Amino acid sequence: MFSKSCEYGIRATIFIATHCCKEGKVGLKEIAKEIDSPIAFTAKILQVLVKNNIVKSSKGVGGGFMILKDELKSIKLVNIVNAIDGDSVFLRCGLGLSNCSEEHPCPVHEKFKFVKKDLIYMLENTSLEELSLGIKKGQTFLKY
């Protein structure tokens, strides 16, 4: 459903969110290792997240990536998805057809529009605060 870049972006952002309050900034290598992503690929994804004001960064000694604690509640998954994948996940046909619409539906159109509606609701209503709390409490995990 999401691109690989978006999956890594979501995972990286959640990881940064879990560390922002107690440890401050997190380094690129640590993020890449934690989300099991190549360092160069992770760097490009993080650049997009910084450019879209989802993650903050600083260079040099003591530098790294962070998210301010008071921003965790306001950053929703939809912000990350839009920054990396744009709105294609909301508009795409369930079968990947280029001409799927109410007037010319694909075989799964009627059922898939409910899946998209639920997905949009989840993305718009799920905050980084909520997701990072699950990890901090040991209820959810980013790795096996």
N, C-alpha and C. Protein backbone atom coordinates (compact mmCIF):
# COMPACT_ATOMS: atom_id res chain seq x y z
N MET A 1 0.82 -1.19 0.00
CA MET A 1 0.00 0.00 0.00
C MET A 1 0.87 1.26 0.00
N PHE A 2 1.89 1.28 0.87
CA PHE A 2 2.83 2.40 0.88
C PHE A 2 4.09 1.99 0.14
N SER A 3 4.82 2.98 -0.36
CA SER A 3 6.11 2.70 -0.98
C SER A 3 7.08 2.27 0.12
N LYS A 4 8.18 1.63 -0.28
CA LYS A 4 9.21 1.24 0.68
C LYS A 4 9.76 2.47 1.39
N SER A 5 9.94 3.56 0.65
CA SER A 5 10.42 4.81 1.25
C SER A 5 9.49 5.27 2.35
N CYS A 6 8.19 5.19 2.10
CA CYS A 6 7.20 5.63 3.08
C CYS A 6 7.21 4.72 4.31
N GLU A 7 7.31 3.42 4.08
CA GLU A 7 7.38 2.49 5.22
C GLU A 7 8.58 2.83 6.10
N TYR A 8 9.75 3.02 5.48
CA TYR A 8 10.94 3.38 6.25
C TYR A 8 10.78 4.74 6.91
N GLY A 9 10.14 5.67 6.22
CA GLY A 9 9.92 7.00 6.79
C GLY A 9 9.05 6.95 8.03
N ILE A 10 8.00 6.16 7.98
CA ILE A 10 7.12 5.99 9.14
C ILE A 10 7.90 5.36 10.29
N ARG A 11 8.64 4.29 9.99
CA ARG A 11 9.40 3.61 11.03
C ARG A 11 10.47 4.52 11.63
N ALA A 12 11.17 5.26 10.78
CA ALA A 12 12.21 6.17 11.27
C ALA A 12 11.61 7.25 12.16
N THR A 13 10.49 7.80 11.75
CA THR A 13 9.85 8.87 12.52
C THR A 13 9.37 8.36 13.87
N ILE A 14 8.80 7.17 13.89
CA ILE A 14 8.37 6.58 15.16
C ILE A 14 9.57 6.34 16.07
N PHE A 15 10.66 5.81 15.49
CA PHE A 15 11.87 5.57 16.29
C PHE A 15 12.40 6.87 16.87
N ILE A 16 12.47 7.91 16.06
CA ILE A 16 12.94 9.21 16.56
C ILE A 16 12.01 9.72 17.66
N ALA A 17 10.72 9.56 17.46
CA ALA A 17 9.74 10.01 18.45
C ALA A 17 9.91 9.30 19.79
N THR A 18 10.27 8.03 19.77
CA THR A 18 10.43 7.30 21.03
C THR A 18 11.67 7.74 21.79
N HIS A 19 12.62 8.35 21.09
CA HIS A 19 13.87 8.76 21.73
C HIS A 19 13.98 10.25 21.99
N CYS A 20 13.06 11.03 21.46
CA CYS A 20 13.21 12.49 21.52
C CYS A 20 13.15 13.05 22.93
N CYS A 21 12.37 12.48 23.75
CA CYS A 21 12.15 13.08 25.07
C CYS A 21 13.23 12.71 26.08
N LYS A 22 13.74 11.49 26.00
CA LYS A 22 14.70 11.06 27.01
C LYS A 22 16.15 11.17 26.56
N GLU A 23 16.41 11.07 25.25
CA GLU A 23 17.78 11.03 24.79
C GLU A 23 18.15 12.17 23.85
N GLY A 24 17.21 13.00 23.50
CA GLY A 24 17.51 14.09 22.59
C GLY A 24 17.61 13.63 21.15
N LYS A 25 18.72 13.94 20.50
CA LYS A 25 18.88 13.65 19.08
C LYS A 25 19.34 12.21 18.85
N VAL A 26 18.96 11.67 17.70
CA VAL A 26 19.33 10.32 17.31
C VAL A 26 20.13 10.42 16.01
N GLY A 27 21.22 9.69 15.93
CA GLY A 27 22.07 9.73 14.75
C GLY A 27 21.55 8.90 13.60
N LEU A 28 21.99 9.25 12.40
CA LEU A 28 21.58 8.57 11.18
C LEU A 28 21.87 7.07 11.22
N LYS A 29 23.07 6.70 11.64
CA LYS A 29 23.44 5.28 11.66
C LYS A 29 22.56 4.49 12.61
N GLU A 30 22.25 5.07 13.75
CA GLU A 30 21.39 4.39 14.73
C GLU A 30 19.98 4.20 14.17
N ILE A 31 19.47 5.22 13.50
CA ILE A 31 18.14 5.13 12.90
C ILE A 31 18.12 4.05 11.83
N ALA A 32 19.10 4.10 10.92
CA ALA A 32 19.16 3.13 9.83
C ALA A 32 19.25 1.70 10.37
N LYS A 33 20.06 1.51 11.40
CA LYS A 33 20.20 0.18 11.99
C LYS A 33 18.87 -0.28 12.61
N GLU A 34 18.24 0.61 13.34
CA GLU A 34 16.99 0.26 14.04
C GLU A 34 15.87 -0.08 13.08
N ILE A 35 15.79 0.62 11.94
CA ILE A 35 14.69 0.36 11.01
C ILE A 35 15.11 -0.58 9.88
N ASP A 36 16.34 -1.09 9.97
CA ASP A 36 16.87 -2.06 9.00
C ASP A 36 16.82 -1.52 7.58
N SER A 37 17.39 -0.34 7.41
CA SER A 37 17.39 0.35 6.12
C SER A 37 18.82 0.78 5.79
N PRO A 38 19.21 0.76 4.52
CA PRO A 38 20.53 1.25 4.16
C PRO A 38 20.72 2.71 4.58
N ILE A 39 21.92 3.06 5.00
CA ILE A 39 22.19 4.40 5.53
C ILE A 39 21.89 5.49 4.50
N ALA A 40 22.36 5.32 3.27
CA ALA A 40 22.14 6.35 2.24
C ALA A 40 20.65 6.53 1.95
N PHE A 41 19.92 5.44 1.90
CA PHE A 41 18.47 5.49 1.65
C PHE A 41 17.76 6.19 2.81
N THR A 42 18.17 5.85 4.03
CA THR A 42 17.60 6.47 5.22
C THR A 42 17.89 7.97 5.23
N ALA A 43 19.09 8.35 4.83
CA ALA A 43 19.45 9.78 4.79
C ALA A 43 18.54 10.54 3.84
N LYS A 44 18.25 9.98 2.68
CA LYS A 44 17.37 10.65 1.71
C LYS A 44 15.95 10.79 2.26
N ILE A 45 15.48 9.77 2.91
CA ILE A 45 14.13 9.80 3.50
C ILE A 45 14.07 10.87 4.60
N LEU A 46 15.09 10.90 5.44
CA LEU A 46 15.13 11.89 6.52
C LEU A 46 15.21 13.31 5.98
N GLN A 47 15.91 13.50 4.86
CA GLN A 47 15.96 14.83 4.23
C GLN A 47 14.56 15.29 3.86
N VAL A 48 13.76 14.38 3.32
CA VAL A 48 12.38 14.71 2.95
C VAL A 48 11.57 15.07 4.19
N LEU A 49 11.75 14.30 5.25
CA LEU A 49 11.01 14.57 6.49
C LEU A 49 11.42 15.90 7.12
N VAL A 50 12.69 16.24 7.03
CA VAL A 50 13.17 17.54 7.54
C VAL A 50 12.59 18.66 6.69
N LYS A 51 12.66 18.50 5.37
CA LYS A 51 12.15 19.52 4.45
C LYS A 51 10.66 19.79 4.69
N ASN A 52 9.92 18.76 5.11
CA ASN A 52 8.49 18.90 5.37
C ASN A 52 8.16 19.20 6.83
N ASN A 53 9.19 19.59 7.60
CA ASN A 53 9.02 20.00 9.00
C ASN A 53 8.40 18.95 9.90
N ILE A 54 8.67 17.69 9.61
CA ILE A 54 8.20 16.61 10.46
C ILE A 54 9.28 16.25 11.48
N VAL A 55 10.52 16.29 11.03
CA VAL A 55 11.68 15.97 11.86
C VAL A 55 12.62 17.18 11.82
N LYS A 56 13.29 17.43 12.91
CA LYS A 56 14.30 18.49 12.98
C LYS A 56 15.68 17.83 12.90
N SER A 57 16.65 18.55 12.36
CA SER A 57 18.00 18.00 12.30
C SER A 57 19.03 19.06 12.63
N SER A 58 20.19 18.59 13.08
CA SER A 58 21.32 19.48 13.29
C SER A 58 22.58 18.70 12.95
N LYS A 59 23.56 19.41 12.42
CA LYS A 59 24.81 18.79 11.99
C LYS A 59 25.88 18.97 13.06
N GLY A 60 26.96 18.22 12.88
CA GLY A 60 28.11 18.38 13.75
C GLY A 60 28.08 17.50 14.98
N VAL A 61 29.03 17.75 15.86
CA VAL A 61 29.13 16.99 17.11
C VAL A 61 27.84 17.18 17.91
N GLY A 62 27.26 16.11 18.36
CA GLY A 62 26.00 16.19 19.10
C GLY A 62 24.80 16.40 18.22
N GLY A 63 25.01 16.35 16.91
CA GLY A 63 23.91 16.53 15.97
C GLY A 63 23.09 15.26 15.81
N GLY A 64 22.09 15.36 14.99
CA GLY A 64 21.22 14.22 14.75
C GLY A 64 19.82 14.68 14.43
N PHE A 65 18.88 13.78 14.62
CA PHE A 65 17.48 14.04 14.30
C PHE A 65 16.64 13.98 15.56
N MET A 66 15.62 14.83 15.59
CA MET A 66 14.75 14.85 16.75
C MET A 66 13.37 15.38 16.37
N ILE A 67 12.43 15.15 17.25
CA ILE A 67 11.09 15.71 17.15
C ILE A 67 10.79 16.30 18.52
N LEU A 68 10.35 17.53 18.55
CA LEU A 68 10.04 18.17 19.82
C LEU A 68 8.85 17.49 20.48
N LYS A 69 8.93 17.32 21.78
CA LYS A 69 7.89 16.62 22.54
C LYS A 69 6.51 17.22 22.31
N ASP A 70 6.41 18.54 22.27
CA ASP A 70 5.11 19.17 22.12
C ASP A 70 4.55 19.05 20.69
N GLU A 71 5.32 18.50 19.77
CA GLU A 71 4.84 18.30 18.40
C GLU A 71 4.35 16.88 18.16
N LEU A 72 4.63 15.97 19.08
CA LEU A 72 4.27 14.57 18.88
C LEU A 72 2.77 14.35 18.68
N LYS A 73 1.97 15.11 19.39
CA LYS A 73 0.52 14.94 19.29
C LYS A 73 -0.02 15.48 17.97
N SER A 74 0.60 16.52 17.45
CA SER A 74 0.07 17.16 16.23
C SER A 74 0.57 16.52 14.94
N ILE A 75 1.65 15.74 15.00
CA ILE A 75 2.14 15.06 13.79
C ILE A 75 1.38 13.77 13.63
N LYS A 76 0.66 13.68 12.54
CA LYS A 76 -0.16 12.49 12.24
C LYS A 76 0.53 11.68 11.14
N LEU A 77 0.16 10.43 11.05
CA LEU A 77 0.73 9.57 10.00
C LEU A 77 0.48 10.14 8.61
N VAL A 78 -0.64 10.80 8.42
CA VAL A 78 -0.94 11.38 7.12
C VAL A 78 0.12 12.40 6.71
N ASN A 79 0.72 13.11 7.66
CA ASN A 79 1.77 14.07 7.35
C ASN A 79 3.00 13.37 6.74
N ILE A 80 3.34 12.23 7.30
CA ILE A 80 4.50 11.47 6.81
C ILE A 80 4.20 10.88 5.44
N VAL A 81 3.03 10.29 5.29
CA VAL A 81 2.65 9.68 4.01
C VAL A 81 2.61 10.74 2.92
N ASN A 82 2.00 11.88 3.19
CA ASN A 82 1.94 12.96 2.19
C ASN A 82 3.33 13.47 1.82
N ALA A 83 4.21 13.58 2.81
CA ALA A 83 5.57 14.07 2.55
C ALA A 83 6.34 13.14 1.64
N ILE A 84 6.17 11.85 1.80
CA ILE A 84 6.98 10.89 1.06
C ILE A 84 6.28 10.35 -0.19
N ASP A 85 5.03 9.95 -0.06
CA ASP A 85 4.31 9.35 -1.20
C ASP A 85 3.32 10.29 -1.87
N GLY A 86 3.09 11.46 -1.29
CA GLY A 86 2.08 12.34 -1.83
C GLY A 86 0.69 11.78 -1.56
N ASP A 87 -0.27 12.15 -2.39
CA ASP A 87 -1.64 11.70 -2.16
C ASP A 87 -2.02 10.47 -2.97
N SER A 88 -1.06 9.83 -3.59
CA SER A 88 -1.36 8.68 -4.46
C SER A 88 -2.05 7.54 -3.71
N VAL A 89 -1.70 7.33 -2.45
CA VAL A 89 -2.32 6.25 -1.68
C VAL A 89 -3.83 6.48 -1.51
N PHE A 90 -4.25 7.74 -1.55
CA PHE A 90 -5.65 8.07 -1.38
C PHE A 90 -6.42 8.01 -2.69
N LEU A 91 -5.71 8.12 -3.78
CA LEU A 91 -6.35 8.21 -5.10
C LEU A 91 -6.21 6.94 -5.93
N ARG A 92 -5.24 6.13 -5.61
CA ARG A 92 -4.90 4.95 -6.40
C ARG A 92 -6.03 3.93 -6.45
N CYS A 93 -6.15 3.29 -7.58
CA CYS A 93 -7.09 2.18 -7.77
C CYS A 93 -6.58 0.98 -7.00
N GLY A 94 -7.49 0.18 -6.43
CA GLY A 94 -7.11 -1.02 -5.69
C GLY A 94 -6.39 -2.04 -6.53
N LEU A 95 -6.60 -2.02 -7.83
CA LEU A 95 -5.92 -2.95 -8.74
C LEU A 95 -4.80 -2.27 -9.53
N GLY A 96 -4.59 -0.98 -9.26
CA GLY A 96 -3.53 -0.26 -9.94
C GLY A 96 -3.88 0.21 -11.34
N LEU A 97 -5.17 0.21 -11.69
CA LEU A 97 -5.58 0.66 -13.02
C LEU A 97 -5.53 2.18 -13.10
N SER A 98 -5.19 2.69 -14.26
CA SER A 98 -5.08 4.14 -14.41
C SER A 98 -6.44 4.81 -14.62
N ASN A 99 -7.41 4.08 -15.11
CA ASN A 99 -8.74 4.65 -15.36
C ASN A 99 -9.81 3.95 -14.54
N CYS A 100 -9.78 4.15 -13.25
CA CYS A 100 -10.77 3.57 -12.35
C CYS A 100 -11.53 4.72 -11.70
N SER A 101 -12.85 4.71 -11.80
CA SER A 101 -13.66 5.78 -11.24
C SER A 101 -15.06 5.25 -10.95
N GLU A 102 -15.89 6.10 -10.39
CA GLU A 102 -17.29 5.73 -10.15
C GLU A 102 -17.99 5.39 -11.47
N GLU A 103 -17.62 6.11 -12.52
CA GLU A 103 -18.25 5.89 -13.83
C GLU A 103 -17.67 4.68 -14.56
N HIS A 104 -16.43 4.33 -14.25
CA HIS A 104 -15.74 3.23 -14.93
C HIS A 104 -14.96 2.44 -13.87
N PRO A 105 -15.68 1.72 -12.97
CA PRO A 105 -15.03 1.07 -11.83
C PRO A 105 -14.32 -0.24 -12.20
N CYS A 106 -13.25 -0.52 -11.47
CA CYS A 106 -12.57 -1.81 -11.59
C CYS A 106 -13.38 -2.83 -10.79
N PRO A 107 -13.06 -4.13 -10.90
CA PRO A 107 -13.83 -5.15 -10.17
C PRO A 107 -13.86 -5.00 -8.65
N VAL A 108 -12.85 -4.36 -8.04
CA VAL A 108 -12.83 -4.22 -6.58
C VAL A 108 -13.18 -2.80 -6.12
N HIS A 109 -13.55 -1.93 -7.05
CA HIS A 109 -13.75 -0.51 -6.74
C HIS A 109 -14.71 -0.28 -5.56
N GLU A 110 -15.86 -0.88 -5.61
CA GLU A 110 -16.87 -0.64 -4.56
C GLU A 110 -16.38 -1.08 -3.18
N LYS A 111 -15.69 -2.20 -3.10
CA LYS A 111 -15.18 -2.68 -1.82
C LYS A 111 -13.95 -1.90 -1.38
N PHE A 112 -13.08 -1.55 -2.34
CA PHE A 112 -11.82 -0.88 -2.00
C PHE A 112 -12.04 0.54 -1.53
N LYS A 113 -13.10 1.19 -1.97
CA LYS A 113 -13.31 2.57 -1.52
C LYS A 113 -13.57 2.62 -0.01
N PHE A 114 -14.10 1.55 0.57
CA PHE A 114 -14.29 1.50 2.02
C PHE A 114 -12.95 1.28 2.73
N VAL A 115 -12.09 0.48 2.13
CA VAL A 115 -10.74 0.27 2.68
C VAL A 115 -9.98 1.60 2.68
N LYS A 116 -10.05 2.34 1.57
CA LYS A 116 -9.37 3.64 1.49
C LYS A 116 -9.94 4.61 2.51
N LYS A 117 -11.25 4.60 2.68
CA LYS A 117 -11.87 5.50 3.66
C LYS A 117 -11.36 5.20 5.06
N ASP A 118 -11.28 3.92 5.42
CA ASP A 118 -10.77 3.54 6.74
C ASP A 118 -9.29 3.88 6.88
N LEU A 119 -8.52 3.69 5.81
CA LEU A 119 -7.10 4.02 5.83
C LEU A 119 -6.90 5.51 6.05
N ILE A 120 -7.63 6.32 5.32
CA ILE A 120 -7.53 7.77 5.47
C ILE A 120 -7.87 8.19 6.89
N TYR A 121 -8.94 7.61 7.44
CA TYR A 121 -9.33 7.93 8.82
C TYR A 121 -8.19 7.59 9.79
N MET A 122 -7.60 6.40 9.63
CA MET A 122 -6.52 5.97 10.51
C MET A 122 -5.31 6.89 10.39
N LEU A 123 -4.94 7.23 9.16
CA LEU A 123 -3.77 8.10 8.95
C LEU A 123 -4.00 9.50 9.51
N GLU A 124 -5.20 10.02 9.37
CA GLU A 124 -5.49 11.37 9.85
C GLU A 124 -5.66 11.45 11.36
N ASN A 125 -5.91 10.31 12.01
CA ASN A 125 -6.21 10.32 13.44
C ASN A 125 -5.18 9.60 14.30
N THR A 126 -4.08 9.17 13.72
CA THR A 126 -3.05 8.48 14.49
C THR A 126 -1.83 9.39 14.60
N SER A 127 -1.49 9.73 15.83
CA SER A 127 -0.37 10.65 16.08
C SER A 127 0.92 9.90 16.41
N LEU A 128 2.03 10.58 16.26
CA LEU A 128 3.31 10.02 16.67
C LEU A 128 3.34 9.78 18.17
N GLU A 129 2.67 10.63 18.90
CA GLU A 129 2.62 10.44 20.35
C GLU A 129 2.01 9.08 20.69
N GLU A 130 0.91 8.76 20.07
CA GLU A 130 0.23 7.48 20.31
C GLU A 130 1.13 6.30 19.93
N LEU A 131 1.76 6.37 18.78
CA LEU A 131 2.59 5.27 18.31
C LEU A 131 3.85 5.10 19.15
N SER A 132 4.46 6.20 19.55
CA SER A 132 5.68 6.10 20.36
C SER A 132 5.36 5.59 21.76
N LEU A 133 4.20 5.92 22.29
CA LEU A 133 3.80 5.42 23.61
C LEU A 133 3.66 3.90 23.61
N GLY A 134 3.12 3.36 22.52
CA GLY A 134 2.98 1.91 22.41
C GLY A 134 4.33 1.21 22.48
N ILE A 135 5.32 1.80 21.85
CA ILE A 135 6.67 1.22 21.87
C ILE A 135 7.28 1.38 23.25
N LYS A 136 7.15 2.55 23.84
CA LYS A 136 7.72 2.80 25.17
C LYS A 136 7.14 1.86 26.22
N LYS A 137 5.86 1.53 26.05
CA LYS A 137 5.19 0.63 27.01
C LYS A 137 5.44 -0.84 26.69
N GLY A 138 6.12 -1.13 25.59
CA GLY A 138 6.39 -2.51 25.21
C GLY A 138 5.20 -3.22 24.61
N GLN A 139 4.20 -2.48 24.16
CA GLN A 139 3.00 -3.07 23.58
C GLN A 139 3.14 -3.26 22.07
N THR A 140 4.01 -2.46 21.43
CA THR A 140 4.25 -2.55 19.99
C THR A 140 5.75 -2.52 19.74
N PHE A 141 6.16 -2.91 18.54
CA PHE A 141 7.58 -3.06 18.23
C PHE A 141 7.89 -2.61 16.81
N LEU A 142 9.10 -2.11 16.60
CA LEU A 142 9.56 -1.76 15.26
C LEU A 142 10.40 -2.88 14.64
N LYS A 143 10.85 -3.82 15.46
CA LYS A 143 11.68 -4.93 15.01
C LYS A 143 11.16 -6.22 15.60
N TYR A 144 11.56 -7.30 14.97
CA TYR A 144 11.23 -8.64 15.51
C TYR A 144 12.17 -8.99 16.62
